[in-house]
Amino acid sequence: MNTKIIESFSHKDTFELGRSIGEKIEPGTVITLTGDLGCGKTVFSQGLAAGLGITEPVNSPTFTILQVYEEGRLPLYHFDTYRIGDVEEMEEVGYEEYFYGQGVSLIEWPSMIEEILPKDCMSVLIEKDMDRDYDYRKITISE
């Protein structure tokens, strides 16, 4: 597994990291996105969408399991599994069609559905370090 650590000192840094990944990402990629509330997951997601050529507003799908964006170079399937009570809810959504399709699946709170995640996911972990700075983020990417 290849792991990179990137330091972000602003929302712009986090957005641009997401954008650069979105510009290069291949169809069928599944990305898990982990981090505490308010750490920058939505900013990263917005950057990823921008890199895919998606111009519509991208927000965390907090009250829905899935938000679909189809206008870019590749479709983006943005999952928020925080409120998943049982993996069967993912089956009802038809997750396999998205995970193994021709778009990019971005999954927030992946620990809720670990048993159904593909083995070859890209993992993005965003961590705050208030001792460094309020806007500082350590972003670990594992592929």
N, C-alpha and C. Protein backbone atom coordinates (compact mmCIF):
# COMPACT_ATOMS: atom_id res chain seq x y z
N MET A 1 0.85 -1.19 0.00
CA MET A 1 0.00 0.00 0.00
C MET A 1 0.89 1.24 0.00
N ASN A 2 0.56 2.17 -0.86
CA ASN A 2 1.28 3.42 -0.98
C ASN A 2 0.59 4.47 -0.12
N THR A 3 1.33 5.12 0.77
CA THR A 3 0.74 6.13 1.66
C THR A 3 1.49 7.45 1.51
N LYS A 4 0.71 8.54 1.36
CA LYS A 4 1.28 9.88 1.29
C LYS A 4 0.64 10.73 2.38
N ILE A 5 1.42 11.61 2.96
CA ILE A 5 0.91 12.57 3.94
C ILE A 5 1.07 13.97 3.35
N ILE A 6 -0.04 14.69 3.32
CA ILE A 6 -0.06 16.04 2.79
C ILE A 6 -0.47 16.97 3.92
N GLU A 7 0.19 18.11 4.01
CA GLU A 7 -0.21 19.10 5.00
C GLU A 7 -1.03 20.19 4.31
N SER A 8 -2.16 20.51 4.90
CA SER A 8 -3.04 21.56 4.39
C SER A 8 -3.06 22.67 5.44
N PHE A 9 -2.90 23.90 4.97
CA PHE A 9 -2.89 25.04 5.88
C PHE A 9 -4.10 25.95 5.68
N SER A 10 -5.01 25.53 4.78
CA SER A 10 -6.19 26.34 4.51
C SER A 10 -7.25 25.51 3.81
N HIS A 11 -8.46 26.05 3.75
CA HIS A 11 -9.53 25.41 2.98
C HIS A 11 -9.09 25.27 1.52
N LYS A 12 -8.41 26.31 1.01
CA LYS A 12 -7.96 26.30 -0.39
C LYS A 12 -7.03 25.12 -0.64
N ASP A 13 -6.10 24.86 0.28
CA ASP A 13 -5.18 23.72 0.12
C ASP A 13 -5.95 22.40 0.04
N THR A 14 -6.93 22.24 0.94
CA THR A 14 -7.71 21.00 0.98
C THR A 14 -8.54 20.86 -0.31
N PHE A 15 -9.14 21.95 -0.74
CA PHE A 15 -9.91 21.95 -1.98
C PHE A 15 -9.02 21.57 -3.16
N GLU A 16 -7.85 22.18 -3.25
CA GLU A 16 -6.94 21.92 -4.39
C GLU A 16 -6.43 20.49 -4.38
N LEU A 17 -6.23 19.91 -3.22
CA LEU A 17 -5.83 18.50 -3.16
C LEU A 17 -6.95 17.63 -3.74
N GLY A 18 -8.18 17.89 -3.34
CA GLY A 18 -9.32 17.17 -3.90
C GLY A 18 -9.41 17.35 -5.40
N ARG A 19 -9.21 18.58 -5.85
CA ARG A 19 -9.27 18.87 -7.30
C ARG A 19 -8.20 18.08 -8.06
N SER A 20 -6.99 18.06 -7.54
CA SER A 20 -5.91 17.36 -8.26
C SER A 20 -6.18 15.86 -8.34
N ILE A 21 -6.77 15.30 -7.31
CA ILE A 21 -7.15 13.88 -7.36
C ILE A 21 -8.26 13.67 -8.38
N GLY A 22 -9.27 14.55 -8.36
CA GLY A 22 -10.39 14.44 -9.29
C GLY A 22 -9.98 14.54 -10.75
N GLU A 23 -8.94 15.34 -11.03
CA GLU A 23 -8.48 15.50 -12.41
C GLU A 23 -7.82 14.23 -12.94
N LYS A 24 -7.29 13.40 -12.07
CA LYS A 24 -6.53 12.21 -12.49
C LYS A 24 -7.25 10.89 -12.27
N ILE A 25 -8.31 10.91 -11.51
CA ILE A 25 -8.95 9.68 -11.05
C ILE A 25 -9.58 8.90 -12.20
N GLU A 26 -9.58 7.59 -12.05
CA GLU A 26 -10.08 6.69 -13.08
C GLU A 26 -11.50 6.20 -12.75
N PRO A 27 -12.27 5.81 -13.77
CA PRO A 27 -13.61 5.25 -13.53
C PRO A 27 -13.52 4.01 -12.62
N GLY A 28 -14.51 3.87 -11.77
CA GLY A 28 -14.58 2.71 -10.89
C GLY A 28 -13.80 2.88 -9.60
N THR A 29 -13.24 4.05 -9.36
CA THR A 29 -12.48 4.29 -8.13
C THR A 29 -13.44 4.50 -6.96
N VAL A 30 -13.12 3.88 -5.84
CA VAL A 30 -13.87 4.07 -4.59
C VAL A 30 -12.92 4.73 -3.60
N ILE A 31 -13.36 5.88 -3.06
CA ILE A 31 -12.56 6.62 -2.10
C ILE A 31 -13.30 6.64 -0.77
N THR A 32 -12.63 6.23 0.30
CA THR A 32 -13.21 6.39 1.62
C THR A 32 -12.67 7.68 2.21
N LEU A 33 -13.53 8.43 2.87
CA LEU A 33 -13.18 9.74 3.41
C LEU A 33 -13.51 9.76 4.90
N THR A 34 -12.47 9.86 5.72
CA THR A 34 -12.64 9.78 7.16
C THR A 34 -12.10 11.04 7.82
N GLY A 35 -12.80 11.50 8.85
CA GLY A 35 -12.37 12.66 9.62
C GLY A 35 -13.48 13.11 10.53
N ASP A 36 -13.10 13.80 11.58
CA ASP A 36 -14.09 14.32 12.53
C ASP A 36 -14.99 15.35 11.87
N LEU A 37 -16.09 15.66 12.52
CA LEU A 37 -16.97 16.73 12.05
C LEU A 37 -16.17 18.03 11.97
N GLY A 38 -16.35 18.75 10.88
CA GLY A 38 -15.69 20.04 10.72
C GLY A 38 -14.23 19.98 10.34
N CYS A 39 -13.75 18.83 9.91
CA CYS A 39 -12.32 18.71 9.58
C CYS A 39 -12.02 19.09 8.13
N GLY A 40 -13.03 19.17 7.27
CA GLY A 40 -12.79 19.54 5.88
C GLY A 40 -13.20 18.49 4.87
N LYS A 41 -14.00 17.51 5.29
CA LYS A 41 -14.44 16.48 4.34
C LYS A 41 -15.24 17.07 3.20
N THR A 42 -16.13 18.02 3.51
CA THR A 42 -16.94 18.62 2.46
C THR A 42 -16.09 19.46 1.52
N VAL A 43 -15.12 20.19 2.05
CA VAL A 43 -14.22 20.98 1.21
C VAL A 43 -13.43 20.07 0.27
N PHE A 44 -12.92 18.95 0.78
CA PHE A 44 -12.21 17.98 -0.05
C PHE A 44 -13.16 17.46 -1.13
N SER A 45 -14.39 17.12 -0.75
CA SER A 45 -15.39 16.59 -1.69
C SER A 45 -15.68 17.60 -2.80
N GLN A 46 -15.79 18.87 -2.43
CA GLN A 46 -16.05 19.91 -3.42
C GLN A 46 -14.88 20.03 -4.40
N GLY A 47 -13.66 19.91 -3.89
CA GLY A 47 -12.49 19.94 -4.76
C GLY A 47 -12.46 18.75 -5.70
N LEU A 48 -12.76 17.56 -5.17
CA LEU A 48 -12.80 16.35 -5.99
C LEU A 48 -13.81 16.53 -7.12
N ALA A 49 -14.99 17.03 -6.78
CA ALA A 49 -16.03 17.26 -7.79
C ALA A 49 -15.55 18.27 -8.84
N ALA A 50 -14.90 19.32 -8.40
CA ALA A 50 -14.39 20.32 -9.35
C ALA A 50 -13.38 19.67 -10.30
N GLY A 51 -12.53 18.81 -9.78
CA GLY A 51 -11.56 18.11 -10.61
C GLY A 51 -12.20 17.18 -11.61
N LEU A 52 -13.40 16.71 -11.30
CA LEU A 52 -14.16 15.86 -12.22
C LEU A 52 -14.96 16.69 -13.23
N GLY A 53 -14.94 18.02 -13.06
CA GLY A 53 -15.68 18.89 -13.97
C GLY A 53 -17.11 19.15 -13.54
N ILE A 54 -17.43 18.86 -12.31
CA ILE A 54 -18.79 19.09 -11.78
C ILE A 54 -18.87 20.52 -11.28
N THR A 55 -19.85 21.27 -11.78
CA THR A 55 -19.97 22.68 -11.41
C THR A 55 -21.13 22.95 -10.46
N GLU A 56 -22.05 22.00 -10.33
CA GLU A 56 -23.17 22.24 -9.41
C GLU A 56 -22.69 22.19 -7.96
N PRO A 57 -23.42 22.81 -7.03
CA PRO A 57 -22.99 22.82 -5.63
C PRO A 57 -22.91 21.40 -5.06
N VAL A 58 -21.85 21.13 -4.33
CA VAL A 58 -21.66 19.82 -3.69
C VAL A 58 -21.67 20.03 -2.19
N ASN A 59 -22.58 19.34 -1.54
CA ASN A 59 -22.69 19.41 -0.09
C ASN A 59 -22.66 18.01 0.46
N SER A 60 -22.39 17.90 1.75
CA SER A 60 -22.41 16.59 2.38
C SER A 60 -23.84 16.06 2.36
N PRO A 61 -24.02 14.82 1.92
CA PRO A 61 -25.38 14.25 1.85
C PRO A 61 -25.85 13.75 3.22
N THR A 62 -25.73 14.59 4.24
CA THR A 62 -25.95 14.20 5.63
C THR A 62 -27.29 13.52 5.87
N PHE A 63 -28.35 13.99 5.26
CA PHE A 63 -29.66 13.43 5.56
C PHE A 63 -30.14 12.45 4.50
N THR A 64 -29.30 12.17 3.53
CA THR A 64 -29.58 11.13 2.55
C THR A 64 -28.33 10.25 2.49
N ILE A 65 -28.49 9.05 2.08
CA ILE A 65 -27.34 8.15 2.00
C ILE A 65 -26.49 8.49 0.77
N LEU A 66 -27.12 8.91 -0.31
CA LEU A 66 -26.41 9.08 -1.58
C LEU A 66 -26.85 10.34 -2.29
N GLN A 67 -25.85 11.07 -2.79
CA GLN A 67 -26.09 12.21 -3.68
C GLN A 67 -25.34 11.91 -4.97
N VAL A 68 -26.02 12.00 -6.11
CA VAL A 68 -25.42 11.68 -7.40
C VAL A 68 -25.20 12.97 -8.20
N TYR A 69 -23.99 13.11 -8.75
CA TYR A 69 -23.63 14.23 -9.61
C TYR A 69 -23.16 13.62 -10.93
N GLU A 70 -23.87 13.90 -12.03
CA GLU A 70 -23.57 13.22 -13.29
C GLU A 70 -23.01 14.13 -14.38
N GLU A 71 -22.82 15.40 -14.11
CA GLU A 71 -22.48 16.32 -15.19
C GLU A 71 -21.00 16.39 -15.52
N GLY A 72 -20.12 15.76 -14.77
CA GLY A 72 -18.69 15.91 -14.99
C GLY A 72 -18.10 14.90 -15.95
N ARG A 73 -16.79 14.89 -16.00
CA ARG A 73 -16.03 13.93 -16.82
C ARG A 73 -16.38 12.50 -16.44
N LEU A 74 -16.58 12.27 -15.14
CA LEU A 74 -17.08 11.01 -14.60
C LEU A 74 -18.17 11.35 -13.60
N PRO A 75 -19.18 10.47 -13.44
CA PRO A 75 -20.17 10.72 -12.40
C PRO A 75 -19.54 10.57 -11.02
N LEU A 76 -20.05 11.34 -10.07
CA LEU A 76 -19.61 11.25 -8.67
C LEU A 76 -20.78 10.75 -7.84
N TYR A 77 -20.55 9.68 -7.10
CA TYR A 77 -21.55 9.11 -6.20
C TYR A 77 -21.06 9.37 -4.78
N HIS A 78 -21.68 10.33 -4.12
CA HIS A 78 -21.24 10.80 -2.81
C HIS A 78 -22.12 10.18 -1.73
N PHE A 79 -21.55 9.25 -1.00
CA PHE A 79 -22.26 8.53 0.07
C PHE A 79 -21.93 9.13 1.43
N ASP A 80 -22.91 9.21 2.29
CA ASP A 80 -22.69 9.53 3.70
C ASP A 80 -23.36 8.42 4.50
N THR A 81 -22.55 7.54 5.06
CA THR A 81 -23.10 6.36 5.73
C THR A 81 -23.18 6.52 7.24
N TYR A 82 -23.07 7.77 7.72
CA TYR A 82 -23.10 8.03 9.17
C TYR A 82 -24.36 7.48 9.82
N ARG A 83 -25.48 7.60 9.16
CA ARG A 83 -26.76 7.19 9.74
C ARG A 83 -27.20 5.77 9.33
N ILE A 84 -26.30 5.02 8.71
CA ILE A 84 -26.63 3.65 8.32
C ILE A 84 -26.78 2.81 9.59
N GLY A 85 -27.91 2.16 9.72
CA GLY A 85 -28.13 1.28 10.85
C GLY A 85 -27.72 -0.14 10.55
N ASP A 86 -27.81 -0.51 9.27
CA ASP A 86 -27.53 -1.87 8.85
C ASP A 86 -27.06 -1.83 7.40
N VAL A 87 -26.12 -2.70 7.05
CA VAL A 87 -25.58 -2.74 5.70
C VAL A 87 -26.68 -3.00 4.67
N GLU A 88 -27.77 -3.61 5.07
CA GLU A 88 -28.88 -3.87 4.14
C GLU A 88 -29.42 -2.57 3.54
N GLU A 89 -29.28 -1.47 4.27
CA GLU A 89 -29.71 -0.18 3.72
C GLU A 89 -28.90 0.18 2.48
N MET A 90 -27.63 -0.22 2.47
CA MET A 90 -26.79 0.02 1.29
C MET A 90 -27.24 -0.85 0.13
N GLU A 91 -27.69 -2.05 0.43
CA GLU A 91 -28.20 -2.94 -0.62
C GLU A 91 -29.46 -2.35 -1.23
N GLU A 92 -30.30 -1.73 -0.41
CA GLU A 92 -31.52 -1.09 -0.92
C GLU A 92 -31.18 0.06 -1.87
N VAL A 93 -30.08 0.75 -1.61
CA VAL A 93 -29.64 1.84 -2.47
C VAL A 93 -29.04 1.30 -3.77
N GLY A 94 -28.62 0.04 -3.77
CA GLY A 94 -27.98 -0.56 -4.94
C GLY A 94 -26.51 -0.17 -5.04
N TYR A 95 -25.82 -0.20 -3.90
CA TYR A 95 -24.45 0.29 -3.82
C TYR A 95 -23.52 -0.36 -4.84
N GLU A 96 -23.72 -1.64 -5.17
CA GLU A 96 -22.79 -2.33 -6.08
C GLU A 96 -22.77 -1.67 -7.46
N GLU A 97 -23.92 -1.19 -7.90
CA GLU A 97 -23.99 -0.49 -9.18
C GLU A 97 -23.07 0.74 -9.19
N TYR A 98 -22.97 1.40 -8.07
CA TYR A 98 -22.13 2.59 -7.95
C TYR A 98 -20.66 2.23 -7.70
N PHE A 99 -20.40 1.35 -6.72
CA PHE A 99 -19.02 0.98 -6.38
C PHE A 99 -18.29 0.37 -7.56
N TYR A 100 -19.00 -0.44 -8.34
CA TYR A 100 -18.36 -1.18 -9.42
C TYR A 100 -18.76 -0.67 -10.81
N GLY A 101 -19.25 0.57 -10.85
CA GLY A 101 -19.66 1.18 -12.11
C GLY A 101 -18.56 2.01 -12.72
N GLN A 102 -18.95 2.94 -13.57
CA GLN A 102 -17.99 3.75 -14.32
C GLN A 102 -17.79 5.15 -13.74
N GLY A 103 -18.30 5.36 -12.53
CA GLY A 103 -18.11 6.65 -11.89
C GLY A 103 -17.10 6.55 -10.76
N VAL A 104 -17.13 7.56 -9.89
CA VAL A 104 -16.27 7.62 -8.72
C VAL A 104 -17.18 7.62 -7.50
N SER A 105 -16.94 6.69 -6.58
CA SER A 105 -17.71 6.64 -5.33
C SER A 105 -16.88 7.24 -4.21
N LEU A 106 -17.45 8.21 -3.53
CA LEU A 106 -16.81 8.86 -2.39
C LEU A 106 -17.66 8.54 -1.16
N ILE A 107 -17.06 7.90 -0.17
CA ILE A 107 -17.83 7.40 0.98
C ILE A 107 -17.35 8.03 2.28
N GLU A 108 -18.22 8.87 2.85
CA GLU A 108 -17.93 9.43 4.16
C GLU A 108 -18.42 8.46 5.24
N TRP A 109 -17.70 8.39 6.35
CA TRP A 109 -17.98 7.49 7.46
C TRP A 109 -17.94 6.02 7.01
N PRO A 110 -16.86 5.60 6.35
CA PRO A 110 -16.78 4.24 5.80
C PRO A 110 -16.78 3.13 6.86
N SER A 111 -16.46 3.46 8.10
CA SER A 111 -16.43 2.42 9.14
C SER A 111 -17.80 1.78 9.35
N MET A 112 -18.86 2.47 8.93
CA MET A 112 -20.21 1.95 9.10
C MET A 112 -20.52 0.81 8.13
N ILE A 113 -19.72 0.71 7.05
CA ILE A 113 -20.01 -0.30 6.02
C ILE A 113 -18.74 -1.07 5.61
N GLU A 114 -17.80 -1.19 6.51
CA GLU A 114 -16.50 -1.80 6.18
C GLU A 114 -16.63 -3.15 5.47
N GLU A 115 -17.59 -3.95 5.88
CA GLU A 115 -17.70 -5.31 5.34
C GLU A 115 -18.06 -5.37 3.87
N ILE A 116 -18.57 -4.27 3.30
CA ILE A 116 -18.93 -4.30 1.87
C ILE A 116 -18.01 -3.44 1.00
N LEU A 117 -17.02 -2.81 1.61
CA LEU A 117 -16.11 -1.97 0.83
C LEU A 117 -15.20 -2.82 -0.04
N PRO A 118 -14.93 -2.37 -1.27
CA PRO A 118 -13.95 -3.09 -2.10
C PRO A 118 -12.57 -3.08 -1.43
N LYS A 119 -11.79 -4.07 -1.72
CA LYS A 119 -10.46 -4.21 -1.10
C LYS A 119 -9.49 -3.12 -1.56
N ASP A 120 -9.69 -2.60 -2.76
CA ASP A 120 -8.72 -1.67 -3.33
C ASP A 120 -9.17 -0.20 -3.28
N CYS A 121 -9.83 0.19 -2.21
CA CYS A 121 -10.26 1.58 -2.05
C CYS A 121 -9.06 2.51 -1.85
N MET A 122 -9.22 3.74 -2.30
CA MET A 122 -8.31 4.80 -1.90
C MET A 122 -8.85 5.33 -0.57
N SER A 123 -7.98 5.52 0.38
CA SER A 123 -8.40 5.99 1.70
C SER A 123 -7.85 7.39 1.94
N VAL A 124 -8.74 8.32 2.34
CA VAL A 124 -8.34 9.67 2.67
C VAL A 124 -8.75 9.94 4.12
N LEU A 125 -7.77 10.26 4.95
CA LEU A 125 -8.00 10.58 6.36
C LEU A 125 -7.59 12.03 6.59
N ILE A 126 -8.52 12.82 7.09
CA ILE A 126 -8.24 14.24 7.37
C ILE A 126 -8.27 14.42 8.89
N GLU A 127 -7.16 14.97 9.41
CA GLU A 127 -7.05 15.16 10.86
C GLU A 127 -6.67 16.61 11.17
N LYS A 128 -7.31 17.16 12.20
CA LYS A 128 -6.98 18.48 12.71
C LYS A 128 -5.82 18.35 13.69
N ASP A 129 -5.07 19.44 13.84
CA ASP A 129 -4.05 19.53 14.88
C ASP A 129 -4.07 20.97 15.37
N MET A 130 -4.87 21.21 16.39
CA MET A 130 -5.06 22.57 16.89
C MET A 130 -3.77 23.15 17.47
N ASP A 131 -2.83 22.30 17.85
CA ASP A 131 -1.55 22.79 18.33
C ASP A 131 -0.75 23.44 17.21
N ARG A 132 -0.96 22.98 15.99
CA ARG A 132 -0.25 23.55 14.84
C ARG A 132 -0.91 24.86 14.41
N ASP A 133 -2.25 24.80 14.18
CA ASP A 133 -2.98 25.98 13.74
C ASP A 133 -4.46 25.58 13.59
N TYR A 134 -5.36 26.52 13.70
CA TYR A 134 -6.78 26.25 13.57
C TYR A 134 -7.11 25.66 12.21
N ASP A 135 -6.48 26.14 11.15
CA ASP A 135 -6.78 25.68 9.79
C ASP A 135 -5.89 24.53 9.33
N TYR A 136 -4.94 24.12 10.13
CA TYR A 136 -4.02 23.05 9.74
C TYR A 136 -4.74 21.70 9.67
N ARG A 137 -4.45 20.94 8.61
CA ARG A 137 -4.97 19.58 8.48
C ARG A 137 -3.84 18.67 8.00
N LYS A 138 -3.77 17.50 8.60
CA LYS A 138 -2.87 16.45 8.13
C LYS A 138 -3.76 15.50 7.34
N ILE A 139 -3.44 15.32 6.06
CA ILE A 139 -4.25 14.49 5.19
C ILE A 139 -3.41 13.29 4.75
N THR A 140 -3.87 12.11 5.12
CA THR A 140 -3.18 10.88 4.78
C THR A 140 -3.97 10.17 3.69
N ILE A 141 -3.26 9.88 2.59
CA ILE A 141 -3.89 9.20 1.46
C ILE A 141 -3.19 7.85 1.29
N SER A 142 -3.98 6.79 1.32
CA SER A 142 -3.44 5.44 1.14
C SER A 142 -4.13 4.82 -0.08
N GLU A 143 -3.30 4.23 -0.94
CA GLU A 143 -3.83 3.58 -2.15
C GLU A 143 -3.31 2.16 -2.23
